């Protein structure tokens, strides 16, 4: 999703709105655990700073992520709406050199000629929005650690396993 910013670079202080839909799918052969599926909507505005060599994007990405439940491995497909705030810089080395002086709390991306890649921004925003433990439903019980029964489908006949040994934490049971 390349976006032409030549009019912004010539007019520092100018703001350019955008609103478009694009396919941000990652290759099916990818080793990523989360996949972006379908069309992704990206809307917001890009603002040129006073110098003209830096742009700030404020917007929203809306897309669908397909993954699997971390407890029961069932397929999960969720829609996400993610706020995005990033900067684009013509001189990437300037940001590295001024890392300590950088006052923004949002990531920066390079400007290549008169184009910026909004696809990378949208993809990063969506994939980073997915929680570490994505569940098929909030009360997902997962699998029984003893017999492997999917506890969402029914209970198993396993009893709580007691290893019979003493634990250093047994004293805490009496305190509660």
C-alpha atoms as a PDB file:
ATOM      1  CA  UNK A   1       0.000   0.000   0.000  1.00  0.00           C
ATOM      2  CA  UNK A   2       2.265   2.761  -1.289  1.00  0.00           C
ATOM      3  CA  UNK A   3       1.049   6.300  -0.637  1.00  0.00           C
ATOM      4  CA  UNK A   4       2.360   9.302  -2.601  1.00  0.00           C
ATOM      5  CA  UNK A   5       3.343  12.148  -0.279  1.00  0.00           C
ATOM      6  CA  UNK A   6       5.032  14.466  -2.799  1.00  0.00           C
ATOM      7  CA  UNK A   7       2.431  17.223  -2.236  1.00  0.00           C
ATOM      8  CA  UNK A   8       3.049  17.075   1.524  1.00  0.00           C
ATOM      9  CA  UNK A   9       6.826  17.330   1.270  1.00  0.00           C
ATOM     10  CA  UNK A  10       6.492  20.558  -0.709  1.00  0.00           C
ATOM     11  CA  UNK A  11       4.096  22.094   1.834  1.00  0.00           C
ATOM     12  CA  UNK A  12       5.306  21.763   5.435  1.00  0.00           C
ATOM     13  CA  UNK A  13       2.425  22.100   7.869  1.00  0.00           C
ATOM     14  CA  UNK A  14      -0.088  20.652   5.395  1.00  0.00           C
ATOM     15  CA  UNK A  15      -2.360  17.729   6.322  1.00  0.00           C
ATOM     16  CA  UNK A  16      -3.597  15.133   3.844  1.00  0.00           C
ATOM     17  CA  UNK A  17      -6.539  12.843   4.730  1.00  0.00           C
ATOM     18  CA  UNK A  18      -6.751   9.276   3.433  1.00  0.00           C
ATOM     19  CA  UNK A  19      -9.290   6.449   3.459  1.00  0.00           C
ATOM     20  CA  UNK A  20      -8.816   3.229   1.514  1.00  0.00           C
ATOM     21  CA  UNK A  21      -9.142  -0.531   1.681  1.00  0.00           C
ATOM     22  CA  UNK A  22      -6.436  -2.985   0.721  1.00  0.00           C
ATOM     23  CA  UNK A  23      -5.512  -6.644   1.057  1.00  0.00           C
ATOM     24  CA  UNK A  24      -2.680  -6.975   3.619  1.00  0.00           C
ATOM     25  CA  UNK A  25      -2.618 -10.767   3.739  1.00  0.00           C
ATOM     26  CA  UNK A  26       0.669 -12.427   4.552  1.00  0.00           C
ATOM     27  CA  UNK A  27       1.719 -15.455   2.475  1.00  0.00           C
ATOM     28  CA  UNK A  28      -0.002 -18.679   3.511  1.00  0.00           C
ATOM     29  CA  UNK A  29       3.451 -20.292   3.833  1.00  0.00           C
ATOM     30  CA  UNK A  30       4.435 -17.744   6.459  1.00  0.00           C
ATOM     31  CA  UNK A  31       5.537 -19.065   9.842  1.00  0.00           C
ATOM     32  CA  UNK A  32       3.513 -16.395  11.648  1.00  0.00           C
ATOM     33  CA  UNK A  33       0.926 -17.744  14.082  1.00  0.00           C
ATOM     34  CA  UNK A  34      -1.551 -14.952  13.241  1.00  0.00           C
ATOM     35  CA  UNK A  35      -2.820 -14.287   9.713  1.00  0.00           C
ATOM     36  CA  UNK A  36      -4.507 -11.158   8.365  1.00  0.00           C
ATOM     37  CA  UNK A  37      -7.507 -12.220   6.278  1.00  0.00           C
ATOM     38  CA  UNK A  38      -9.718 -10.287   3.898  1.00  0.00           C
ATOM     39  CA  UNK A  39      -9.660  -6.587   3.194  1.00  0.00           C
ATOM     40  CA  UNK A  40      -8.150  -4.106   5.641  1.00  0.00           C
ATOM     41  CA  UNK A  41      -9.497  -0.555   5.944  1.00  0.00           C
ATOM     42  CA  UNK A  42      -7.049   2.233   6.715  1.00  0.00           C
ATOM     43  CA  UNK A  43      -8.187   5.805   7.327  1.00  0.00           C
ATOM     44  CA  UNK A  44      -6.792   8.915   8.969  1.00  0.00           C
ATOM     45  CA  UNK A  45      -4.478  11.764   8.050  1.00  0.00           C
ATOM     46  CA  UNK A  46      -0.816  12.428   7.376  1.00  0.00           C
ATOM     47  CA  UNK A  47       0.632  15.727   8.589  1.00  0.00           C
ATOM     48  CA  UNK A  48       3.907  17.241   7.337  1.00  0.00           C
ATOM     49  CA  UNK A  49       6.014  18.769  10.095  1.00  0.00           C
ATOM     50  CA  UNK A  50       7.606  22.195   9.806  1.00  0.00           C
ATOM     51  CA  UNK A  51      10.820  20.840   8.275  1.00  0.00           C
ATOM     52  CA  UNK A  52       9.046  18.805   5.602  1.00  0.00           C
ATOM     53  CA  UNK A  53      11.366  15.818   6.041  1.00  0.00           C
ATOM     54  CA  UNK A  54       9.203  14.185   8.681  1.00  0.00           C
ATOM     55  CA  UNK A  55       5.556  13.143   8.464  1.00  0.00           C
ATOM     56  CA  UNK A  56       3.236  12.125  11.286  1.00  0.00           C
ATOM     57  CA  UNK A  57       0.374   9.719  10.606  1.00  0.00           C
ATOM     58  CA  UNK A  58      -2.690   9.521  12.861  1.00  0.00           C
ATOM     59  CA  UNK A  59      -5.317   7.012  11.862  1.00  0.00           C
ATOM     60  CA  UNK A  60      -7.154   3.769  12.385  1.00  0.00           C
ATOM     61  CA  UNK A  61      -6.670   0.306  10.916  1.00  0.00           C
ATOM     62  CA  UNK A  62      -9.608  -2.117  10.780  1.00  0.00           C
ATOM     63  CA  UNK A  63      -8.959  -5.724   9.857  1.00  0.00           C
ATOM     64  CA  UNK A  64      -9.531  -9.394  10.637  1.00  0.00           C
ATOM     65  CA  UNK A  65      -6.964 -11.692  12.237  1.00  0.00           C
ATOM     66  CA  UNK A  66      -7.140 -15.493  12.047  1.00  0.00           C
ATOM     67  CA  UNK A  67      -5.269 -17.556  14.610  1.00  0.00           C
ATOM     68  CA  UNK A  68      -5.897 -20.368  17.066  1.00  0.00           C
ATOM     69  CA  UNK A  69      -6.966 -20.432  20.694  1.00  0.00           C
ATOM     70  CA  UNK A  70      -3.996 -20.742  23.045  1.00  0.00           C
ATOM     71  CA  UNK A  71      -5.888 -23.169  25.322  1.00  0.00           C
ATOM     72  CA  UNK A  72      -7.809 -25.510  22.995  1.00  0.00           C
ATOM     73  CA  UNK A  73      -6.246 -24.766  19.565  1.00  0.00           C
ATOM     74  CA  UNK A  74      -9.652 -24.073  17.994  1.00  0.00           C
ATOM     75  CA  UNK A  75      -9.593 -21.647  15.051  1.00  0.00           C
ATOM     76  CA  UNK A  76     -10.286 -18.039  16.068  1.00  0.00           C
ATOM     77  CA  UNK A  77     -11.163 -15.186  13.724  1.00  0.00           C
ATOM     78  CA  UNK A  78     -11.589 -11.691  15.190  1.00  0.00           C
ATOM     79  CA  UNK A  79     -12.111  -8.192  13.858  1.00  0.00           C
ATOM     80  CA  UNK A  80      -9.804  -5.520  15.268  1.00  0.00           C
ATOM     81  CA  UNK A  81      -9.935  -1.731  15.150  1.00  0.00           C
ATOM     82  CA  UNK A  82      -6.553  -0.315  16.106  1.00  0.00           C
ATOM     83  CA  UNK A  83      -5.524   3.328  16.534  1.00  0.00           C
ATOM     84  CA  UNK A  84      -2.231   4.105  14.789  1.00  0.00           C
ATOM     85  CA  UNK A  85       0.244   6.922  15.350  1.00  0.00           C
ATOM     86  CA  UNK A  86       3.596   6.692  13.560  1.00  0.00           C
ATOM     87  CA  UNK A  87       6.130   8.980  11.966  1.00  0.00           C
ATOM     88  CA  UNK A  88       7.920   8.763   8.636  1.00  0.00           C
ATOM     89  CA  UNK A  89      11.420  10.151   8.176  1.00  0.00           C
ATOM     90  CA  UNK A  90      13.382  10.843   5.012  1.00  0.00           C
ATOM     91  CA  UNK A  91      16.678  10.384   6.853  1.00  0.00           C
ATOM     92  CA  UNK A  92      16.433   7.199   8.886  1.00  0.00           C
ATOM     93  CA  UNK A  93      19.936   7.676  10.313  1.00  0.00           C
ATOM     94  CA  UNK A  94      18.888  10.972  11.877  1.00  0.00           C
ATOM     95  CA  UNK A  95      16.446   9.096  14.097  1.00  0.00           C
ATOM     96  CA  UNK A  96      19.067   6.573  15.128  1.00  0.00           C
ATOM     97  CA  UNK A  97      21.575   9.320  16.015  1.00  0.00           C
ATOM     98  CA  UNK A  98      18.981  11.338  17.935  1.00  0.00           C
ATOM     99  CA  UNK A  99      17.426   8.357  19.666  1.00  0.00           C
ATOM    100  CA  UNK A 100      17.818   9.811  23.158  1.00  0.00           C
ATOM    101  CA  UNK A 101      16.491  13.207  22.041  1.00  0.00           C
ATOM    102  CA  UNK A 102      13.454  11.707  20.322  1.00  0.00           C
ATOM    103  CA  UNK A 103      10.317  12.890  22.103  1.00  0.00           C
ATOM    104  CA  UNK A 104       7.656  10.832  20.313  1.00  0.00           C
ATOM    105  CA  UNK A 105       6.364   7.600  21.804  1.00  0.00           C
ATOM    106  CA  UNK A 106       5.463   6.071  18.461  1.00  0.00           C
ATOM    107  CA  UNK A 107       7.558   4.193  15.896  1.00  0.00           C
ATOM    108  CA  UNK A 108       9.017   5.697  12.754  1.00  0.00           C
ATOM    109  CA  UNK A 109       9.160   4.342   9.209  1.00  0.00           C
ATOM    110  CA  UNK A 110      11.305   5.457   6.252  1.00  0.00           C
ATOM    111  CA  UNK A 111      10.228   7.692   3.370  1.00  0.00           C
ATOM    112  CA  UNK A 112      11.424   6.175   0.079  1.00  0.00           C
ATOM    113  CA  UNK A 113      11.523   8.898  -2.552  1.00  0.00           C
ATOM    114  CA  UNK A 114       8.045  10.381  -2.518  1.00  0.00           C
ATOM    115  CA  UNK A 115       6.337   7.210  -1.231  1.00  0.00           C
ATOM    116  CA  UNK A 116       5.530   5.817   2.188  1.00  0.00           C
ATOM    117  CA  UNK A 117       4.474   2.212   2.766  1.00  0.00           C
ATOM    118  CA  UNK A 118       1.218   2.259   4.721  1.00  0.00           C
ATOM    119  CA  UNK A 119       0.881  -1.506   4.282  1.00  0.00           C
ATOM    120  CA  UNK A 120       3.749  -2.140   6.695  1.00  0.00           C
ATOM    121  CA  UNK A 121       2.194   0.275   9.192  1.00  0.00           C
ATOM    122  CA  UNK A 122      -1.217  -1.415   8.984  1.00  0.00           C
ATOM    123  CA  UNK A 123       0.222  -4.918   9.165  1.00  0.00           C
ATOM    124  CA  UNK A 124       2.375  -4.046  12.200  1.00  0.00           C
ATOM    125  CA  UNK A 125      -0.528  -2.345  13.991  1.00  0.00           C
ATOM    126  CA  UNK A 126      -2.914  -5.272  13.493  1.00  0.00           C
ATOM    127  CA  UNK A 127      -0.452  -7.998  14.428  1.00  0.00           C
ATOM    128  CA  UNK A 128       0.753  -6.130  17.519  1.00  0.00           C
ATOM    129  CA  UNK A 129      -2.842  -5.632  18.707  1.00  0.00           C
ATOM    130  CA  UNK A 130      -3.418  -9.370  19.131  1.00  0.00           C
ATOM    131  CA  UNK A 131      -3.039 -10.382  22.803  1.00  0.00           C
ATOM    132  CA  UNK A 132      -0.418 -12.919  23.840  1.00  0.00           C
ATOM    133  CA  UNK A 133      -3.149 -15.371  24.826  1.00  0.00           C
ATOM    134  CA  UNK A 134      -5.902 -15.250  22.234  1.00  0.00           C
ATOM    135  CA  UNK A 135      -8.897 -17.305  23.391  1.00  0.00           C
ATOM    136  CA  UNK A 136     -11.813 -18.706  21.390  1.00  0.00           C
ATOM    137  CA  UNK A 137     -14.091 -17.507  24.204  1.00  0.00           C
ATOM    138  CA  UNK A 138     -13.421 -15.995  27.647  1.00  0.00           C
ATOM    139  CA  UNK A 139     -14.391 -19.175  29.525  1.00  0.00           C
ATOM    140  CA  UNK A 140     -12.351 -21.585  27.367  1.00  0.00           C
ATOM    141  CA  UNK A 141     -11.365 -24.537  29.565  1.00  0.00           C
ATOM    142  CA  UNK A 142      -8.711 -25.960  27.234  1.00  0.00           C
ATOM    143  CA  UNK A 143      -7.541 -29.579  27.446  1.00  0.00           C
ATOM    144  CA  UNK A 144      -7.222 -31.881  30.450  1.00  0.00           C
ATOM    145  CA  UNK A 145      -3.486 -32.146  31.195  1.00  0.00           C
ATOM    146  CA  UNK A 146      -3.873 -35.820  32.143  1.00  0.00           C
ATOM    147  CA  UNK A 147      -6.009 -37.420  29.413  1.00  0.00           C
ATOM    148  CA  UNK A 148      -6.149 -34.717  26.721  1.00  0.00           C
ATOM    149  CA  UNK A 149      -9.961 -34.373  26.683  1.00  0.00           C
ATOM    150  CA  UNK A 150     -11.182 -31.043  25.301  1.00  0.00           C
ATOM    151  CA  UNK A 151     -12.937 -29.674  28.384  1.00  0.00           C
ATOM    152  CA  UNK A 152     -15.076 -27.370  26.240  1.00  0.00           C
ATOM    153  CA  UNK A 153     -16.769 -30.479  24.780  1.00  0.00           C
ATOM    154  CA  UNK A 154     -17.352 -32.175  28.129  1.00  0.00           C
ATOM    155  CA  UNK A 155     -15.749 -33.251  31.354  1.00  0.00           C
ATOM    156  CA  UNK A 156     -13.316 -36.108  31.731  1.00  0.00           C
ATOM    157  CA  UNK A 157     -13.090 -38.842  34.372  1.00  0.00           C
ATOM    158  CA  UNK A 158      -9.680 -37.804  35.623  1.00  0.00           C
ATOM    159  CA  UNK A 159      -9.324 -36.871  39.255  1.00  0.00           C
ATOM    160  CA  UNK A 160      -7.105 -34.100  40.473  1.00  0.00           C
ATOM    161  CA  UNK A 161      -3.578 -35.435  40.430  1.00  0.00           C
ATOM    162  CA  UNK A 162      -1.881 -35.351  43.828  1.00  0.00           C
ATOM    163  CA  UNK A 163       1.760 -36.301  43.658  1.00  0.00           C
ATOM    164  CA  UNK A 164       1.751 -37.177  47.380  1.00  0.00           C
ATOM    165  CA  UNK A 165       4.930 -35.256  48.080  1.00  0.00           C
ATOM    166  CA  UNK A 166       5.193 -32.300  50.341  1.00  0.00           C
ATOM    167  CA  UNK A 167       5.406 -28.914  48.782  1.00  0.00           C
ATOM    168  CA  UNK A 168       7.121 -25.929  50.348  1.00  0.00           C
ATOM    169  CA  UNK A 169       3.895 -24.061  49.621  1.00  0.00           C
ATOM    170  CA  UNK A 170       1.676 -26.385  51.710  1.00  0.00           C
ATOM    171  CA  UNK A 171       2.001 -23.998  54.644  1.00  0.00           C
ATOM    172  CA  UNK A 172       0.195 -21.357  52.603  1.00  0.00           C
ATOM    173  CA  UNK A 173      -2.940 -23.542  52.454  1.00  0.00           C
ATOM    174  CA  UNK A 174      -3.309 -23.278  56.205  1.00  0.00           C
ATOM    175  CA  UNK A 175      -2.977 -19.508  56.089  1.00  0.00           C
ATOM    176  CA  UNK A 176      -5.798 -19.121  53.601  1.00  0.00           C
END
